[in-house]
Amino acid sequence: MNPACSKCRSAVRMLDEAGSEYTVRRYLEDPPTAKELGEVLTRLGLEPWDIARTQEKVAKELGLSKWPKDRDRWIEAMVTHPILIQRPIITADDGTTVVGRSDEEVRKVL
């Protein structure tokens, strides 16, 4: 979670309103490992370039949008610069995992 992110705040509000129990991970302060990010991507059925924030300043500095689609390289960049990870990503105990950018996606884990 990034408290400055309106999508994150909206997802937390929806989880609270539903009475859900959850744990918040402040990924900027506690970035995922390459293994954790790889597992989340597998659960999402996506690749790192599918959830990369390519308009971030660091992405532009790296020239990320021009990189070849090398999964390990992209994951390493996202672990090193977690601001590149799309948010919020919500994982449920039953395996359901979504990028909760819309209310509809958040509802999938409720």
N, C-alpha and C. Protein backbone atom coordinates (compact mmCIF):
# COMPACT_ATOMS: atom_id res chain seq x y z
N MET A 1 0.84 -1.18 0.00
CA MET A 1 0.00 0.00 0.00
C MET A 1 0.88 1.23 0.00
N ASN A 2 0.38 2.23 -0.68
CA ASN A 2 1.01 3.54 -0.69
C ASN A 2 -0.06 4.52 -0.20
N PRO A 3 0.08 5.05 1.02
CA PRO A 3 -0.95 5.94 1.56
C PRO A 3 -1.24 7.16 0.69
N ALA A 4 -0.30 7.55 -0.16
CA ALA A 4 -0.51 8.70 -1.04
C ALA A 4 -1.36 8.34 -2.26
N CYS A 5 -1.64 7.06 -2.44
CA CYS A 5 -2.36 6.57 -3.62
C CYS A 5 -3.87 6.51 -3.35
N SER A 6 -4.64 7.22 -4.15
CA SER A 6 -6.09 7.23 -3.97
C SER A 6 -6.70 5.85 -4.20
N LYS A 7 -6.14 5.07 -5.12
CA LYS A 7 -6.66 3.72 -5.38
C LYS A 7 -6.43 2.81 -4.18
N CYS A 8 -5.28 2.97 -3.52
CA CYS A 8 -5.00 2.20 -2.30
C CYS A 8 -5.97 2.58 -1.19
N ARG A 9 -6.16 3.87 -1.00
CA ARG A 9 -7.08 4.33 0.05
C ARG A 9 -8.50 3.84 -0.22
N SER A 10 -8.92 3.85 -1.48
CA SER A 10 -10.24 3.37 -1.84
C SER A 10 -10.38 1.88 -1.54
N ALA A 11 -9.36 1.10 -1.87
CA ALA A 11 -9.40 -0.35 -1.62
C ALA A 11 -9.49 -0.62 -0.12
N VAL A 12 -8.70 0.09 0.68
CA VAL A 12 -8.74 -0.09 2.13
C VAL A 12 -10.12 0.27 2.67
N ARG A 13 -10.70 1.35 2.16
CA ARG A 13 -12.04 1.75 2.60
C ARG A 13 -13.05 0.65 2.30
N MET A 14 -12.97 0.07 1.10
CA MET A 14 -13.91 -1.00 0.74
C MET A 14 -13.71 -2.23 1.62
N LEU A 15 -12.48 -2.58 1.89
CA LEU A 15 -12.20 -3.73 2.76
C LEU A 15 -12.74 -3.47 4.16
N ASP A 16 -12.53 -2.25 4.66
CA ASP A 16 -13.04 -1.89 5.99
C ASP A 16 -14.56 -1.94 6.02
N GLU A 17 -15.20 -1.38 5.01
CA GLU A 17 -16.67 -1.37 4.97
C GLU A 17 -17.24 -2.78 4.91
N ALA A 18 -16.50 -3.70 4.30
CA ALA A 18 -16.95 -5.09 4.21
C ALA A 18 -16.62 -5.88 5.47
N GLY A 19 -15.90 -5.26 6.41
CA GLY A 19 -15.52 -5.95 7.63
C GLY A 19 -14.45 -7.01 7.42
N SER A 20 -13.69 -6.86 6.37
CA SER A 20 -12.63 -7.83 6.05
C SER A 20 -11.44 -7.67 6.98
N GLU A 21 -10.82 -8.81 7.28
CA GLU A 21 -9.54 -8.78 8.00
C GLU A 21 -8.46 -8.80 6.94
N TYR A 22 -7.46 -7.96 7.12
CA TYR A 22 -6.40 -7.89 6.13
C TYR A 22 -5.13 -7.34 6.76
N THR A 23 -4.05 -7.53 6.06
CA THR A 23 -2.76 -6.98 6.46
C THR A 23 -2.30 -6.05 5.34
N VAL A 24 -1.83 -4.90 5.70
CA VAL A 24 -1.34 -3.93 4.73
C VAL A 24 0.18 -4.03 4.69
N ARG A 25 0.69 -4.10 3.48
CA ARG A 25 2.15 -4.08 3.30
C ARG A 25 2.51 -2.78 2.58
N ARG A 26 3.29 -1.99 3.21
CA ARG A 26 3.76 -0.74 2.60
C ARG A 26 4.97 -1.08 1.73
N TYR A 27 4.67 -1.41 0.50
CA TYR A 27 5.66 -1.97 -0.40
C TYR A 27 6.82 -1.04 -0.72
N LEU A 28 6.63 0.27 -0.54
CA LEU A 28 7.75 1.19 -0.77
C LEU A 28 8.78 1.08 0.36
N GLU A 29 8.31 0.79 1.56
CA GLU A 29 9.19 0.63 2.72
C GLU A 29 9.65 -0.81 2.88
N ASP A 30 8.83 -1.74 2.43
CA ASP A 30 9.10 -3.18 2.57
C ASP A 30 8.85 -3.86 1.22
N PRO A 31 9.77 -3.63 0.26
CA PRO A 31 9.55 -4.16 -1.09
C PRO A 31 9.49 -5.68 -1.11
N PRO A 32 8.75 -6.23 -2.05
CA PRO A 32 8.72 -7.69 -2.18
C PRO A 32 10.07 -8.19 -2.69
N THR A 33 10.35 -9.44 -2.40
CA THR A 33 11.52 -10.07 -2.99
C THR A 33 11.17 -10.46 -4.42
N ALA A 34 12.17 -10.81 -5.19
CA ALA A 34 11.93 -11.26 -6.56
C ALA A 34 11.02 -12.50 -6.55
N LYS A 35 11.25 -13.39 -5.59
CA LYS A 35 10.43 -14.59 -5.49
C LYS A 35 8.97 -14.24 -5.18
N GLU A 36 8.76 -13.34 -4.21
CA GLU A 36 7.40 -12.94 -3.86
C GLU A 36 6.70 -12.28 -5.04
N LEU A 37 7.38 -11.38 -5.72
CA LEU A 37 6.76 -10.70 -6.86
C LEU A 37 6.46 -11.70 -7.97
N GLY A 38 7.36 -12.63 -8.21
CA GLY A 38 7.11 -13.67 -9.22
C GLY A 38 5.89 -14.50 -8.88
N GLU A 39 5.73 -14.84 -7.62
CA GLU A 39 4.57 -15.63 -7.18
C GLU A 39 3.27 -14.84 -7.36
N VAL A 40 3.30 -13.56 -7.03
CA VAL A 40 2.11 -12.72 -7.19
C VAL A 40 1.75 -12.61 -8.68
N LEU A 41 2.75 -12.43 -9.51
CA LEU A 41 2.51 -12.36 -10.95
C LEU A 41 1.89 -13.65 -11.46
N THR A 42 2.37 -14.78 -10.98
CA THR A 42 1.80 -16.07 -11.38
C THR A 42 0.34 -16.15 -10.94
N ARG A 43 0.04 -15.73 -9.71
CA ARG A 43 -1.34 -15.73 -9.22
C ARG A 43 -2.23 -14.82 -10.06
N LEU A 44 -1.65 -13.70 -10.51
CA LEU A 44 -2.41 -12.76 -11.34
C LEU A 44 -2.55 -13.25 -12.78
N GLY A 45 -1.66 -14.15 -13.19
CA GLY A 45 -1.65 -14.57 -14.59
C GLY A 45 -1.10 -13.48 -15.49
N LEU A 46 -0.20 -12.67 -14.94
CA LEU A 46 0.36 -11.54 -15.67
C LEU A 46 1.87 -11.59 -15.67
N GLU A 47 2.46 -10.74 -16.47
CA GLU A 47 3.90 -10.58 -16.52
C GLU A 47 4.25 -9.23 -15.89
N PRO A 48 5.51 -9.03 -15.51
CA PRO A 48 5.85 -7.77 -14.83
C PRO A 48 5.55 -6.53 -15.66
N TRP A 49 5.72 -6.60 -16.96
CA TRP A 49 5.43 -5.43 -17.80
C TRP A 49 3.94 -5.11 -17.83
N ASP A 50 3.10 -6.08 -17.44
CA ASP A 50 1.66 -5.83 -17.38
C ASP A 50 1.27 -4.98 -16.19
N ILE A 51 2.10 -5.00 -15.14
CA ILE A 51 1.77 -4.25 -13.93
C ILE A 51 2.80 -3.16 -13.64
N ALA A 52 3.63 -2.85 -14.60
CA ALA A 52 4.66 -1.82 -14.40
C ALA A 52 4.08 -0.42 -14.63
N ARG A 53 4.51 0.49 -13.81
CA ARG A 53 4.12 1.89 -13.93
C ARG A 53 5.18 2.57 -14.80
N THR A 54 4.99 2.51 -16.09
CA THR A 54 6.01 2.97 -17.03
C THR A 54 6.08 4.49 -17.15
N GLN A 55 5.15 5.19 -16.54
CA GLN A 55 5.19 6.66 -16.59
C GLN A 55 5.90 7.26 -15.38
N GLU A 56 6.32 6.41 -14.45
CA GLU A 56 7.06 6.92 -13.30
C GLU A 56 8.41 7.49 -13.76
N LYS A 57 8.91 8.47 -13.03
CA LYS A 57 10.18 9.11 -13.39
C LYS A 57 11.30 8.08 -13.53
N VAL A 58 11.41 7.17 -12.57
CA VAL A 58 12.49 6.18 -12.62
C VAL A 58 12.33 5.26 -13.83
N ALA A 59 11.11 4.96 -14.22
CA ALA A 59 10.88 4.12 -15.40
C ALA A 59 11.40 4.83 -16.65
N LYS A 60 11.15 6.09 -16.73
CA LYS A 60 11.63 6.87 -17.88
C LYS A 60 13.15 6.97 -17.87
N GLU A 61 13.72 7.16 -16.67
CA GLU A 61 15.18 7.21 -16.56
C GLU A 61 15.82 5.90 -16.99
N LEU A 62 15.18 4.79 -16.66
CA LEU A 62 15.69 3.46 -17.03
C LEU A 62 15.41 3.11 -18.48
N GLY A 63 14.49 3.84 -19.10
CA GLY A 63 14.06 3.48 -20.46
C GLY A 63 13.25 2.19 -20.45
N LEU A 64 12.54 1.96 -19.36
CA LEU A 64 11.82 0.70 -19.12
C LEU A 64 10.90 0.30 -20.27
N SER A 65 10.18 1.25 -20.82
CA SER A 65 9.21 0.92 -21.87
C SER A 65 9.88 0.36 -23.13
N LYS A 66 11.19 0.54 -23.25
CA LYS A 66 11.92 0.04 -24.42
C LYS A 66 12.66 -1.27 -24.15
N TRP A 67 12.58 -1.74 -22.89
CA TRP A 67 13.29 -2.97 -22.54
C TRP A 67 12.66 -4.18 -23.23
N PRO A 68 13.47 -5.18 -23.57
CA PRO A 68 12.90 -6.43 -24.06
C PRO A 68 12.12 -7.11 -22.92
N LYS A 69 11.22 -7.94 -23.27
CA LYS A 69 10.36 -8.59 -22.27
C LYS A 69 11.09 -9.78 -21.64
N ASP A 70 12.01 -9.44 -20.76
CA ASP A 70 12.81 -10.38 -19.99
C ASP A 70 12.25 -10.36 -18.56
N ARG A 71 11.49 -11.38 -18.22
CA ARG A 71 10.78 -11.43 -16.93
C ARG A 71 11.70 -11.14 -15.74
N ASP A 72 12.84 -11.81 -15.68
CA ASP A 72 13.74 -11.64 -14.54
C ASP A 72 14.26 -10.21 -14.44
N ARG A 73 14.61 -9.62 -15.56
CA ARG A 73 15.13 -8.25 -15.55
C ARG A 73 14.07 -7.26 -15.08
N TRP A 74 12.85 -7.42 -15.56
CA TRP A 74 11.76 -6.53 -15.15
C TRP A 74 11.44 -6.71 -13.67
N ILE A 75 11.40 -7.95 -13.21
CA ILE A 75 11.13 -8.20 -11.78
C ILE A 75 12.22 -7.55 -10.94
N GLU A 76 13.47 -7.72 -11.32
CA GLU A 76 14.56 -7.12 -10.55
C GLU A 76 14.44 -5.60 -10.51
N ALA A 77 14.06 -4.99 -11.61
CA ALA A 77 13.86 -3.53 -11.63
C ALA A 77 12.75 -3.13 -10.67
N MET A 78 11.68 -3.92 -10.62
CA MET A 78 10.54 -3.60 -9.76
C MET A 78 10.87 -3.83 -8.29
N VAL A 79 11.71 -4.79 -8.01
CA VAL A 79 12.15 -5.03 -6.63
C VAL A 79 13.09 -3.90 -6.19
N THR A 80 13.96 -3.48 -7.08
CA THR A 80 14.90 -2.40 -6.78
C THR A 80 14.19 -1.05 -6.67
N HIS A 81 13.17 -0.86 -7.51
CA HIS A 81 12.41 0.40 -7.55
C HIS A 81 10.91 0.06 -7.40
N PRO A 82 10.47 -0.24 -6.18
CA PRO A 82 9.08 -0.70 -6.00
C PRO A 82 8.02 0.30 -6.45
N ILE A 83 8.38 1.57 -6.62
CA ILE A 83 7.41 2.55 -7.12
C ILE A 83 6.92 2.13 -8.51
N LEU A 84 7.65 1.26 -9.18
CA LEU A 84 7.26 0.79 -10.52
C LEU A 84 6.11 -0.21 -10.49
N ILE A 85 5.78 -0.74 -9.31
CA ILE A 85 4.73 -1.76 -9.20
C ILE A 85 3.36 -1.10 -9.14
N GLN A 86 2.47 -1.53 -10.02
CA GLN A 86 1.08 -1.05 -10.00
C GLN A 86 0.47 -1.37 -8.66
N ARG A 87 -0.41 -0.53 -8.20
CA ARG A 87 -1.02 -0.71 -6.89
C ARG A 87 -2.49 -0.37 -6.92
N PRO A 88 -3.23 -0.86 -5.97
CA PRO A 88 -2.87 -1.86 -4.96
C PRO A 88 -3.02 -3.27 -5.51
N ILE A 89 -2.19 -4.16 -5.04
CA ILE A 89 -2.34 -5.58 -5.36
C ILE A 89 -2.89 -6.22 -4.10
N ILE A 90 -3.99 -6.93 -4.26
CA ILE A 90 -4.66 -7.56 -3.13
C ILE A 90 -4.60 -9.07 -3.33
N THR A 91 -4.11 -9.77 -2.31
CA THR A 91 -4.07 -11.23 -2.36
C THR A 91 -4.94 -11.76 -1.23
N ALA A 92 -5.77 -12.72 -1.56
CA ALA A 92 -6.66 -13.33 -0.57
C ALA A 92 -6.13 -14.72 -0.22
N ASP A 93 -6.52 -15.19 0.96
CA ASP A 93 -6.07 -16.50 1.42
C ASP A 93 -6.47 -17.63 0.48
N ASP A 94 -7.57 -17.45 -0.24
CA ASP A 94 -8.04 -18.52 -1.14
C ASP A 94 -7.29 -18.53 -2.48
N GLY A 95 -6.31 -17.63 -2.62
CA GLY A 95 -5.52 -17.57 -3.85
C GLY A 95 -5.95 -16.48 -4.81
N THR A 96 -7.13 -15.92 -4.60
CA THR A 96 -7.59 -14.83 -5.45
C THR A 96 -6.63 -13.66 -5.31
N THR A 97 -6.22 -13.12 -6.43
CA THR A 97 -5.28 -12.00 -6.44
C THR A 97 -5.72 -11.04 -7.53
N VAL A 98 -5.78 -9.76 -7.19
CA VAL A 98 -6.20 -8.75 -8.17
C VAL A 98 -5.35 -7.50 -8.02
N VAL A 99 -5.27 -6.76 -9.11
CA VAL A 99 -4.76 -5.40 -9.05
C VAL A 99 -6.01 -4.55 -8.83
N GLY A 100 -6.17 -4.05 -7.62
CA GLY A 100 -7.42 -3.40 -7.21
C GLY A 100 -7.55 -1.95 -7.63
N ARG A 101 -7.40 -1.67 -8.90
CA ARG A 101 -7.48 -0.30 -9.39
C ARG A 101 -8.93 0.16 -9.57
N SER A 102 -9.86 -0.78 -9.53
CA SER A 102 -11.27 -0.41 -9.64
C SER A 102 -12.06 -1.09 -8.53
N ASP A 103 -13.23 -0.54 -8.23
CA ASP A 103 -14.09 -1.15 -7.22
C ASP A 103 -14.45 -2.58 -7.62
N GLU A 104 -14.66 -2.81 -8.90
CA GLU A 104 -15.02 -4.16 -9.38
C GLU A 104 -13.93 -5.16 -9.04
N GLU A 105 -12.68 -4.78 -9.25
CA GLU A 105 -11.57 -5.70 -8.95
C GLU A 105 -11.47 -5.97 -7.46
N VAL A 106 -11.65 -4.95 -6.64
CA VAL A 106 -11.59 -5.14 -5.18
C VAL A 106 -12.70 -6.08 -4.73
N ARG A 107 -13.88 -5.93 -5.31
CA ARG A 107 -15.02 -6.80 -4.93
C ARG A 107 -14.72 -8.28 -5.19
N LYS A 108 -13.84 -8.58 -6.13
CA LYS A 108 -13.50 -9.98 -6.43
C LYS A 108 -12.85 -10.70 -5.24
N VAL A 109 -12.25 -9.95 -4.33
CA VAL A 109 -11.60 -10.58 -3.19
C VAL A 109 -12.45 -10.50 -1.93
N LEU A 110 -13.59 -9.83 -2.00
CA LEU A 110 -14.46 -9.72 -0.82
C LEU A 110 -15.33 -10.96 -0.64
